[in-house]
Amino acid sequence: PGDSVATFTVGVLGDMVVEPDEWLAVRISEAIGLTLTDSTAVGTIVADDLPVLSIADTMLAEGGPDSPMVSFRVRLTPAAYAPVSFHFETVDGTAESAAGDYLPVSGDTAFAPGQDQIVIEVPVLGDALLEGNERFTLRVSSVQAATPAERSAIATLANDERASFARV
């Protein structure tokens, strides 16, 4: 008697399903001894499960001067119901952009709802030098609306030149 506010708890069963926020409505009826001005309340179940973003190492035969592309596949598991954005950039290793091994790339991109893969291509500058395999990294950062499993992947540029010997 005399109370004008009442609070009650609705239990929520958590799950590991990647889904948007969910809502529930509670309707109070057959009030005794009072008049309801609003008999319905809406509650929000905030989604806390995120898709996983992953990126895999890759390899490419260096090739000649035709500038082949090395492809990094960035995957989202499962595909999201909302956009997932991230930043990417190449980082020198034994393959160096200043040495003419590849052209550096960087940018921001996003998975559209339902999309589960993005391919990021990096131009490789082939040559005829006899050298060992070289490597550079694609780094991912500023991931929004996903949990990164890996934050980088390595591209190996496999040497495809062969040594030749002349008889004298």
N, C-alpha and C. Protein backbone atom coordinates (compact mmCIF):
# COMPACT_ATOMS: atom_id res chain seq x y z
N PRO A 1 0.83 -1.19 0.00
CA PRO A 1 0.00 0.00 0.00
C PRO A 1 0.87 1.26 0.00
N GLY A 2 0.51 2.20 -0.83
CA GLY A 2 1.22 3.45 -0.91
C GLY A 2 2.35 3.47 -1.91
N ASP A 3 2.77 2.32 -2.44
CA ASP A 3 3.86 2.28 -3.43
C ASP A 3 3.34 2.72 -4.79
N SER A 4 4.15 3.48 -5.52
CA SER A 4 3.76 3.88 -6.87
C SER A 4 4.67 3.26 -7.93
N VAL A 5 5.71 2.54 -7.49
CA VAL A 5 6.64 1.88 -8.40
C VAL A 5 6.91 0.49 -7.87
N ALA A 6 6.96 -0.46 -8.79
CA ALA A 6 7.32 -1.83 -8.43
C ALA A 6 8.35 -2.33 -9.44
N THR A 7 9.33 -3.08 -8.97
CA THR A 7 10.38 -3.62 -9.83
C THR A 7 10.33 -5.13 -9.76
N PHE A 8 10.54 -5.78 -10.90
CA PHE A 8 10.66 -7.22 -10.94
C PHE A 8 11.72 -7.61 -11.96
N THR A 9 12.24 -8.80 -11.82
CA THR A 9 13.33 -9.27 -12.68
C THR A 9 12.83 -10.35 -13.61
N VAL A 10 13.28 -10.30 -14.85
CA VAL A 10 13.00 -11.33 -15.84
C VAL A 10 14.33 -12.01 -16.15
N GLY A 11 14.43 -13.29 -15.92
CA GLY A 11 15.66 -14.03 -16.20
C GLY A 11 15.89 -14.20 -17.69
N VAL A 12 17.15 -14.14 -18.10
CA VAL A 12 17.53 -14.32 -19.50
C VAL A 12 18.47 -15.50 -19.59
N LEU A 13 18.21 -16.39 -20.53
CA LEU A 13 19.10 -17.52 -20.77
C LEU A 13 20.10 -17.12 -21.85
N GLY A 14 21.37 -17.01 -21.49
CA GLY A 14 22.39 -16.61 -22.45
C GLY A 14 22.69 -17.71 -23.45
N ASP A 15 23.22 -17.32 -24.60
CA ASP A 15 23.63 -18.28 -25.62
C ASP A 15 24.90 -17.75 -26.28
N MET A 16 25.43 -18.52 -27.20
CA MET A 16 26.65 -18.12 -27.93
C MET A 16 26.32 -17.83 -29.39
N VAL A 17 25.08 -17.43 -29.67
CA VAL A 17 24.65 -17.16 -31.03
C VAL A 17 24.92 -15.69 -31.35
N VAL A 18 25.56 -15.45 -32.50
CA VAL A 18 25.80 -14.08 -32.95
C VAL A 18 24.49 -13.58 -33.55
N GLU A 19 23.89 -12.61 -32.89
CA GLU A 19 22.59 -12.11 -33.30
C GLU A 19 22.44 -10.68 -32.82
N PRO A 20 21.48 -9.95 -33.37
CA PRO A 20 21.27 -8.57 -32.90
C PRO A 20 20.61 -8.55 -31.52
N ASP A 21 20.54 -7.34 -30.95
CA ASP A 21 19.83 -7.19 -29.68
C ASP A 21 18.41 -7.72 -29.85
N GLU A 22 17.86 -8.22 -28.76
CA GLU A 22 16.49 -8.72 -28.79
C GLU A 22 15.66 -7.95 -27.78
N TRP A 23 14.36 -7.93 -27.99
CA TRP A 23 13.46 -7.20 -27.11
C TRP A 23 12.41 -8.13 -26.57
N LEU A 24 11.90 -7.77 -25.40
CA LEU A 24 10.77 -8.50 -24.83
C LEU A 24 9.81 -7.47 -24.25
N ALA A 25 8.56 -7.81 -24.27
CA ALA A 25 7.53 -6.92 -23.72
C ALA A 25 6.87 -7.62 -22.55
N VAL A 26 6.57 -6.86 -21.51
CA VAL A 26 5.86 -7.36 -20.34
C VAL A 26 4.57 -6.55 -20.22
N ARG A 27 3.47 -7.24 -20.13
CA ARG A 27 2.19 -6.57 -19.99
C ARG A 27 1.57 -6.92 -18.64
N ILE A 28 1.19 -5.91 -17.90
CA ILE A 28 0.53 -6.10 -16.60
C ILE A 28 -0.96 -5.97 -16.83
N SER A 29 -1.71 -6.89 -16.29
CA SER A 29 -3.16 -6.83 -16.48
C SER A 29 -3.87 -7.15 -15.16
N GLU A 30 -5.12 -6.85 -15.13
CA GLU A 30 -5.99 -7.15 -13.98
C GLU A 30 -5.44 -6.59 -12.67
N ALA A 31 -5.03 -5.32 -12.72
CA ALA A 31 -4.55 -4.65 -11.51
C ALA A 31 -5.71 -4.46 -10.53
N ILE A 32 -5.45 -4.66 -9.27
CA ILE A 32 -6.49 -4.54 -8.24
C ILE A 32 -6.18 -3.32 -7.38
N GLY A 33 -7.11 -2.44 -7.29
CA GLY A 33 -7.00 -1.28 -6.43
C GLY A 33 -6.16 -0.15 -6.99
N LEU A 34 -5.89 -0.16 -8.28
CA LEU A 34 -5.15 0.93 -8.89
C LEU A 34 -5.50 1.03 -10.36
N THR A 35 -5.13 2.15 -10.95
CA THR A 35 -5.36 2.38 -12.37
C THR A 35 -4.00 2.41 -13.06
N LEU A 36 -3.84 1.60 -14.09
CA LEU A 36 -2.59 1.56 -14.86
C LEU A 36 -2.63 2.63 -15.94
N THR A 37 -1.61 3.48 -15.98
CA THR A 37 -1.53 4.47 -17.06
C THR A 37 -0.79 3.90 -18.26
N ASP A 38 0.08 2.94 -18.01
CA ASP A 38 0.81 2.26 -19.09
C ASP A 38 1.01 0.83 -18.62
N SER A 39 0.37 -0.10 -19.28
CA SER A 39 0.41 -1.48 -18.81
C SER A 39 1.50 -2.32 -19.48
N THR A 40 2.29 -1.73 -20.39
CA THR A 40 3.31 -2.49 -21.12
C THR A 40 4.68 -1.85 -20.92
N ALA A 41 5.67 -2.69 -20.66
CA ALA A 41 7.06 -2.25 -20.57
C ALA A 41 7.88 -3.07 -21.55
N VAL A 42 8.90 -2.44 -22.15
CA VAL A 42 9.76 -3.13 -23.11
C VAL A 42 11.17 -3.19 -22.54
N GLY A 43 11.77 -4.38 -22.59
CA GLY A 43 13.14 -4.57 -22.14
C GLY A 43 14.01 -4.99 -23.31
N THR A 44 15.30 -4.66 -23.24
CA THR A 44 16.25 -5.01 -24.29
C THR A 44 17.24 -6.02 -23.76
N ILE A 45 17.43 -7.11 -24.51
CA ILE A 45 18.47 -8.09 -24.22
C ILE A 45 19.64 -7.72 -25.13
N VAL A 46 20.70 -7.18 -24.56
CA VAL A 46 21.83 -6.69 -25.35
C VAL A 46 22.69 -7.87 -25.80
N ALA A 47 22.92 -7.95 -27.11
CA ALA A 47 23.75 -9.02 -27.68
C ALA A 47 25.20 -8.80 -27.26
N ASP A 48 25.85 -9.84 -26.78
CA ASP A 48 27.24 -9.72 -26.37
C ASP A 48 28.14 -10.73 -27.06
N ASP A 49 27.62 -11.42 -28.06
CA ASP A 49 28.40 -12.39 -28.82
C ASP A 49 28.80 -11.75 -30.15
N LEU A 50 30.07 -11.77 -30.47
CA LEU A 50 30.57 -11.16 -31.69
C LEU A 50 31.13 -12.20 -32.64
N PRO A 51 31.06 -11.96 -33.95
CA PRO A 51 31.73 -12.86 -34.90
C PRO A 51 33.24 -12.75 -34.74
N VAL A 52 33.96 -13.73 -35.26
CA VAL A 52 35.42 -13.78 -35.16
C VAL A 52 36.03 -13.43 -36.51
N LEU A 53 36.95 -12.47 -36.51
CA LEU A 53 37.66 -12.07 -37.72
C LEU A 53 39.00 -12.78 -37.75
N SER A 54 39.30 -13.43 -38.87
CA SER A 54 40.58 -14.14 -39.00
C SER A 54 41.21 -13.83 -40.35
N ILE A 55 42.52 -13.95 -40.41
CA ILE A 55 43.28 -13.72 -41.64
C ILE A 55 44.37 -14.79 -41.69
N ALA A 56 44.56 -15.37 -42.87
CA ALA A 56 45.49 -16.49 -43.00
C ALA A 56 46.74 -16.08 -43.77
N ASP A 57 47.85 -16.76 -43.44
CA ASP A 57 49.09 -16.57 -44.20
C ASP A 57 48.86 -17.00 -45.64
N THR A 58 49.69 -16.50 -46.54
CA THR A 58 49.55 -16.82 -47.95
C THR A 58 50.92 -16.91 -48.60
N MET A 59 50.98 -17.49 -49.79
CA MET A 59 52.25 -17.65 -50.51
C MET A 59 52.01 -17.45 -52.00
N LEU A 60 53.02 -16.91 -52.68
CA LEU A 60 52.92 -16.66 -54.11
C LEU A 60 54.31 -16.78 -54.72
N ALA A 61 54.41 -17.42 -55.90
CA ALA A 61 55.68 -17.42 -56.62
C ALA A 61 55.91 -15.99 -57.09
N GLU A 62 57.10 -15.48 -56.85
CA GLU A 62 57.40 -14.07 -57.10
C GLU A 62 57.11 -13.66 -58.54
N GLY A 63 57.41 -14.49 -59.49
CA GLY A 63 57.13 -14.16 -60.88
C GLY A 63 58.05 -13.12 -61.46
N GLY A 64 57.74 -12.75 -62.70
CA GLY A 64 58.53 -11.74 -63.40
C GLY A 64 57.95 -10.36 -63.21
N PRO A 65 58.21 -9.49 -64.17
CA PRO A 65 57.80 -8.09 -64.02
C PRO A 65 56.30 -7.86 -64.28
N ASP A 66 55.51 -8.89 -64.41
CA ASP A 66 54.08 -8.72 -64.70
C ASP A 66 53.25 -8.28 -63.49
N SER A 67 53.86 -8.08 -62.35
CA SER A 67 53.19 -7.66 -61.13
C SER A 67 51.99 -8.52 -60.76
N PRO A 68 52.26 -9.76 -60.36
CA PRO A 68 51.15 -10.58 -59.87
C PRO A 68 50.65 -10.01 -58.54
N MET A 69 49.51 -10.47 -58.11
CA MET A 69 48.93 -10.02 -56.83
C MET A 69 49.01 -11.15 -55.82
N VAL A 70 49.36 -10.82 -54.59
CA VAL A 70 49.24 -11.77 -53.50
C VAL A 70 47.92 -11.45 -52.81
N SER A 71 47.13 -12.48 -52.53
CA SER A 71 45.80 -12.29 -51.97
C SER A 71 45.74 -12.74 -50.52
N PHE A 72 45.30 -11.85 -49.67
CA PHE A 72 45.03 -12.18 -48.26
C PHE A 72 43.52 -12.35 -48.11
N ARG A 73 43.10 -13.47 -47.55
CA ARG A 73 41.67 -13.70 -47.32
C ARG A 73 41.36 -13.40 -45.85
N VAL A 74 40.51 -12.41 -45.66
CA VAL A 74 40.06 -12.05 -44.33
C VAL A 74 38.66 -12.64 -44.19
N ARG A 75 38.47 -13.46 -43.14
CA ARG A 75 37.18 -14.16 -42.97
C ARG A 75 36.49 -13.72 -41.70
N LEU A 76 35.16 -13.83 -41.73
CA LEU A 76 34.32 -13.50 -40.59
C LEU A 76 33.47 -14.72 -40.29
N THR A 77 33.55 -15.23 -39.07
CA THR A 77 32.82 -16.45 -38.69
C THR A 77 32.01 -16.20 -37.44
N PRO A 78 30.71 -16.35 -37.54
CA PRO A 78 29.90 -16.45 -38.75
C PRO A 78 29.75 -15.08 -39.38
N ALA A 79 29.12 -15.05 -40.55
CA ALA A 79 28.83 -13.77 -41.18
C ALA A 79 27.98 -12.95 -40.20
N ALA A 80 28.21 -11.66 -40.17
CA ALA A 80 27.53 -10.80 -39.20
C ALA A 80 26.20 -10.29 -39.74
N TYR A 81 25.35 -9.88 -38.84
CA TYR A 81 24.06 -9.29 -39.19
C TYR A 81 24.18 -7.78 -39.36
N ALA A 82 25.33 -7.21 -39.00
CA ALA A 82 25.58 -5.77 -39.10
C ALA A 82 26.99 -5.58 -39.66
N PRO A 83 27.31 -4.39 -40.17
CA PRO A 83 28.66 -4.16 -40.71
C PRO A 83 29.76 -4.40 -39.67
N VAL A 84 30.89 -4.93 -40.15
CA VAL A 84 32.09 -5.13 -39.34
C VAL A 84 33.21 -4.43 -40.09
N SER A 85 33.83 -3.45 -39.45
CA SER A 85 34.86 -2.67 -40.14
C SER A 85 36.24 -2.91 -39.51
N PHE A 86 37.28 -2.64 -40.32
CA PHE A 86 38.65 -2.75 -39.84
C PHE A 86 39.59 -1.97 -40.74
N HIS A 87 40.77 -1.70 -40.21
CA HIS A 87 41.85 -1.04 -40.95
C HIS A 87 42.89 -2.11 -41.29
N PHE A 88 43.57 -1.95 -42.43
CA PHE A 88 44.64 -2.89 -42.80
C PHE A 88 45.81 -2.11 -43.37
N GLU A 89 47.01 -2.69 -43.24
CA GLU A 89 48.22 -2.09 -43.81
C GLU A 89 49.31 -3.14 -43.94
N THR A 90 50.14 -2.97 -44.96
CA THR A 90 51.29 -3.86 -45.12
C THR A 90 52.45 -3.36 -44.28
N VAL A 91 53.27 -4.30 -43.83
CA VAL A 91 54.44 -4.00 -43.02
C VAL A 91 55.62 -4.79 -43.60
N ASP A 92 56.72 -4.10 -43.86
CA ASP A 92 57.90 -4.76 -44.42
C ASP A 92 58.43 -5.85 -43.50
N GLY A 93 58.98 -6.87 -44.14
CA GLY A 93 59.75 -7.90 -43.46
C GLY A 93 61.03 -8.03 -44.26
N THR A 94 61.36 -9.25 -44.69
CA THR A 94 62.52 -9.40 -45.58
C THR A 94 62.17 -8.89 -46.98
N ALA A 95 60.89 -8.89 -47.33
CA ALA A 95 60.42 -8.21 -48.55
C ALA A 95 60.16 -6.76 -48.16
N GLU A 96 60.71 -5.84 -48.94
CA GLU A 96 60.59 -4.43 -48.59
C GLU A 96 59.99 -3.65 -49.74
N SER A 97 59.02 -2.78 -49.41
CA SER A 97 58.40 -1.98 -50.46
C SER A 97 59.41 -1.00 -51.07
N ALA A 98 60.28 -0.41 -50.27
CA ALA A 98 61.27 0.54 -50.77
C ALA A 98 62.29 -0.15 -51.70
N ALA A 99 62.49 -1.46 -51.52
CA ALA A 99 63.42 -2.21 -52.36
C ALA A 99 62.75 -2.70 -53.64
N GLY A 100 61.46 -2.40 -53.79
CA GLY A 100 60.77 -2.80 -55.01
C GLY A 100 60.26 -4.22 -55.01
N ASP A 101 60.06 -4.80 -53.82
CA ASP A 101 59.54 -6.17 -53.77
C ASP A 101 58.02 -6.23 -53.90
N TYR A 102 57.32 -5.21 -53.39
CA TYR A 102 55.86 -5.15 -53.48
C TYR A 102 55.43 -3.69 -53.31
N LEU A 103 54.18 -3.41 -53.68
CA LEU A 103 53.63 -2.07 -53.47
C LEU A 103 52.82 -2.08 -52.19
N PRO A 104 53.12 -1.17 -51.26
CA PRO A 104 52.40 -1.17 -49.99
C PRO A 104 50.93 -0.77 -50.19
N VAL A 105 50.06 -1.33 -49.36
CA VAL A 105 48.64 -0.97 -49.37
C VAL A 105 48.20 -0.70 -47.94
N SER A 106 47.20 0.13 -47.81
CA SER A 106 46.56 0.36 -46.51
C SER A 106 45.18 0.93 -46.79
N GLY A 107 44.30 0.78 -45.83
CA GLY A 107 42.97 1.33 -46.01
C GLY A 107 42.02 0.85 -44.94
N ASP A 108 40.78 1.27 -45.08
CA ASP A 108 39.70 0.85 -44.20
C ASP A 108 38.66 0.17 -45.06
N THR A 109 38.09 -0.90 -44.55
CA THR A 109 37.06 -1.61 -45.29
C THR A 109 36.08 -2.22 -44.30
N ALA A 110 35.00 -2.78 -44.83
CA ALA A 110 33.97 -3.35 -43.94
C ALA A 110 33.28 -4.53 -44.61
N PHE A 111 32.92 -5.49 -43.79
CA PHE A 111 32.06 -6.58 -44.22
C PHE A 111 30.63 -6.04 -44.24
N ALA A 112 29.91 -6.28 -45.30
CA ALA A 112 28.49 -5.93 -45.34
C ALA A 112 27.72 -7.02 -44.57
N PRO A 113 26.53 -6.73 -44.08
CA PRO A 113 25.74 -7.77 -43.40
C PRO A 113 25.60 -9.01 -44.30
N GLY A 114 25.89 -10.17 -43.74
CA GLY A 114 25.82 -11.44 -44.47
C GLY A 114 27.09 -11.82 -45.19
N GLN A 115 28.04 -10.91 -45.36
CA GLN A 115 29.30 -11.20 -46.05
C GLN A 115 30.26 -11.89 -45.09
N ASP A 116 30.98 -12.91 -45.58
CA ASP A 116 31.88 -13.64 -44.68
C ASP A 116 33.34 -13.65 -45.14
N GLN A 117 33.66 -12.98 -46.26
CA GLN A 117 35.05 -12.97 -46.73
C GLN A 117 35.35 -11.68 -47.50
N ILE A 118 36.52 -11.14 -47.26
CA ILE A 118 37.03 -10.01 -48.03
C ILE A 118 38.44 -10.40 -48.47
N VAL A 119 38.76 -10.13 -49.73
CA VAL A 119 40.10 -10.41 -50.25
C VAL A 119 40.83 -9.08 -50.40
N ILE A 120 42.01 -8.99 -49.79
CA ILE A 120 42.85 -7.81 -49.92
C ILE A 120 44.04 -8.21 -50.79
N GLU A 121 44.21 -7.52 -51.91
CA GLU A 121 45.28 -7.85 -52.85
C GLU A 121 46.42 -6.84 -52.75
N VAL A 122 47.62 -7.37 -52.80
CA VAL A 122 48.83 -6.56 -52.73
C VAL A 122 49.66 -6.84 -53.99
N PRO A 123 49.96 -5.81 -54.78
CA PRO A 123 50.78 -6.03 -55.99
C PRO A 123 52.21 -6.42 -55.62
N VAL A 124 52.68 -7.47 -56.26
CA VAL A 124 54.05 -7.95 -56.07
C VAL A 124 54.86 -7.55 -57.29
N LEU A 125 56.05 -7.01 -57.07
CA LEU A 125 56.93 -6.59 -58.16
C LEU A 125 57.98 -7.67 -58.37
N GLY A 126 57.71 -8.56 -59.31
CA GLY A 126 58.63 -9.66 -59.58
C GLY A 126 59.93 -9.17 -60.17
N ASP A 127 60.93 -10.02 -60.09
CA ASP A 127 62.23 -9.69 -60.66
C ASP A 127 62.91 -10.97 -61.10
N ALA A 128 64.10 -10.84 -61.66
CA ALA A 128 64.86 -12.01 -62.12
C ALA A 128 66.07 -12.27 -61.23
N LEU A 129 66.06 -11.73 -60.02
CA LEU A 129 67.18 -11.91 -59.11
C LEU A 129 67.10 -13.27 -58.44
N LEU A 130 68.24 -13.93 -58.33
CA LEU A 130 68.31 -15.19 -57.58
C LEU A 130 68.46 -14.82 -56.11
N GLU A 131 67.41 -15.05 -55.35
CA GLU A 131 67.40 -14.66 -53.94
C GLU A 131 66.54 -15.64 -53.17
N GLY A 132 66.59 -15.58 -51.88
CA GLY A 132 65.76 -16.46 -51.06
C GLY A 132 64.31 -15.99 -51.04
N ASN A 133 63.46 -16.81 -50.43
CA ASN A 133 62.08 -16.39 -50.24
C ASN A 133 62.05 -15.14 -49.37
N GLU A 134 61.10 -14.27 -49.65
CA GLU A 134 60.97 -13.03 -48.88
C GLU A 134 59.56 -12.95 -48.30
N ARG A 135 59.44 -12.19 -47.22
CA ARG A 135 58.15 -12.12 -46.53
C ARG A 135 57.81 -10.68 -46.15
N PHE A 136 56.50 -10.40 -46.14
CA PHE A 136 56.00 -9.16 -45.55
C PHE A 136 54.68 -9.50 -44.86
N THR A 137 54.16 -8.57 -44.09
CA THR A 137 52.98 -8.83 -43.25
C THR A 137 51.84 -7.91 -43.64
N LEU A 138 50.62 -8.43 -43.55
CA LEU A 138 49.42 -7.59 -43.61
C LEU A 138 48.89 -7.55 -42.19
N ARG A 139 48.79 -6.33 -41.65
CA ARG A 139 48.33 -6.15 -40.27
C ARG A 139 46.91 -5.57 -40.29
N VAL A 140 46.08 -6.09 -39.39
CA VAL A 140 44.70 -5.65 -39.24
C VAL A 140 44.57 -4.96 -37.88
N SER A 141 43.87 -3.82 -37.85
CA SER A 141 43.69 -3.10 -36.59
C SER A 141 42.33 -2.40 -36.59
N SER A 142 42.01 -1.76 -35.49
CA SER A 142 40.76 -1.00 -35.34
C SER A 142 39.54 -1.81 -35.75
N VAL A 143 39.50 -3.06 -35.32
CA VAL A 143 38.37 -3.94 -35.65
C VAL A 143 37.15 -3.50 -34.84
N GLN A 144 36.05 -3.27 -35.53
CA GLN A 144 34.80 -2.85 -34.90
C GLN A 144 33.73 -3.92 -35.13
N ALA A 145 33.05 -4.33 -34.07
CA ALA A 145 31.92 -5.26 -34.12
C ALA A 145 32.33 -6.71 -34.41
N ALA A 146 33.58 -7.07 -34.11
CA ALA A 146 34.06 -8.45 -34.24
C ALA A 146 35.23 -8.64 -33.29
N THR A 147 35.54 -9.90 -33.01
CA THR A 147 36.68 -10.24 -32.19
C THR A 147 37.78 -10.77 -33.11
N PRO A 148 38.96 -10.13 -33.15
CA PRO A 148 40.02 -10.63 -34.03
C PRO A 148 40.68 -11.89 -33.46
N ALA A 149 40.75 -12.94 -34.28
CA ALA A 149 41.47 -14.15 -33.89
C ALA A 149 42.96 -13.95 -34.13
N GLU A 150 43.29 -13.32 -35.25
CA GLU A 150 44.67 -12.93 -35.56
C GLU A 150 44.64 -11.47 -35.98
N ARG A 151 45.74 -10.80 -35.71
CA ARG A 151 45.83 -9.40 -36.11
C ARG A 151 46.81 -9.20 -37.27
N SER A 152 47.41 -10.29 -37.75
CA SER A 152 48.31 -10.17 -38.89
C SER A 152 48.46 -11.52 -39.58
N ALA A 153 48.93 -11.43 -40.84
CA ALA A 153 49.22 -12.64 -41.62
C ALA A 153 50.47 -12.35 -42.45
N ILE A 154 51.19 -13.40 -42.77
CA ILE A 154 52.45 -13.26 -43.51
C ILE A 154 52.27 -13.71 -44.95
N ALA A 155 52.79 -12.90 -45.87
CA ALA A 155 52.86 -13.30 -47.28
C ALA A 155 54.28 -13.72 -47.56
N THR A 156 54.44 -14.92 -48.11
CA THR A 156 55.75 -15.40 -48.53
C THR A 156 55.84 -15.28 -50.04
N LEU A 157 56.84 -14.57 -50.51
CA LEU A 157 57.11 -14.45 -51.94
C LEU A 157 58.18 -15.48 -52.25
N ALA A 158 57.76 -16.58 -52.85
CA ALA A 158 58.67 -17.69 -53.11
C ALA A 158 59.55 -17.37 -54.31
N ASN A 159 60.85 -17.51 -54.12
CA ASN A 159 61.79 -17.29 -55.21
C ASN A 159 61.52 -18.33 -56.29
N ASP A 160 61.41 -17.88 -57.54
CA ASP A 160 61.16 -18.83 -58.63
C ASP A 160 62.27 -18.80 -59.68
N GLU A 161 63.38 -18.12 -59.39
CA GLU A 161 64.52 -18.13 -60.30
C GLU A 161 65.39 -19.35 -59.99
N ARG A 162 66.07 -19.83 -60.99
CA ARG A 162 66.95 -20.97 -60.82
C ARG A 162 68.37 -20.58 -61.18
N ALA A 163 69.29 -21.11 -60.46
CA ALA A 163 70.70 -20.87 -60.78
C ALA A 163 71.05 -21.63 -62.05
N SER A 164 71.87 -21.01 -62.87
CA SER A 164 72.34 -21.71 -64.07
C SER A 164 73.86 -21.65 -64.12
N PHE A 165 74.43 -22.69 -64.64
CA PHE A 165 75.88 -22.79 -64.70
C PHE A 165 76.29 -23.04 -66.15
N ALA A 166 77.33 -22.37 -66.56
CA ALA A 166 77.84 -22.56 -67.93
C ALA A 166 79.13 -23.38 -67.85
N ARG A 167 79.28 -24.29 -68.80
CA ARG A 167 80.52 -25.05 -68.87
C ARG A 167 81.58 -24.24 -69.58
N VAL A 168 82.76 -24.29 -69.05
CA VAL A 168 83.86 -23.54 -69.64
C VAL A 168 84.88 -24.51 -70.18
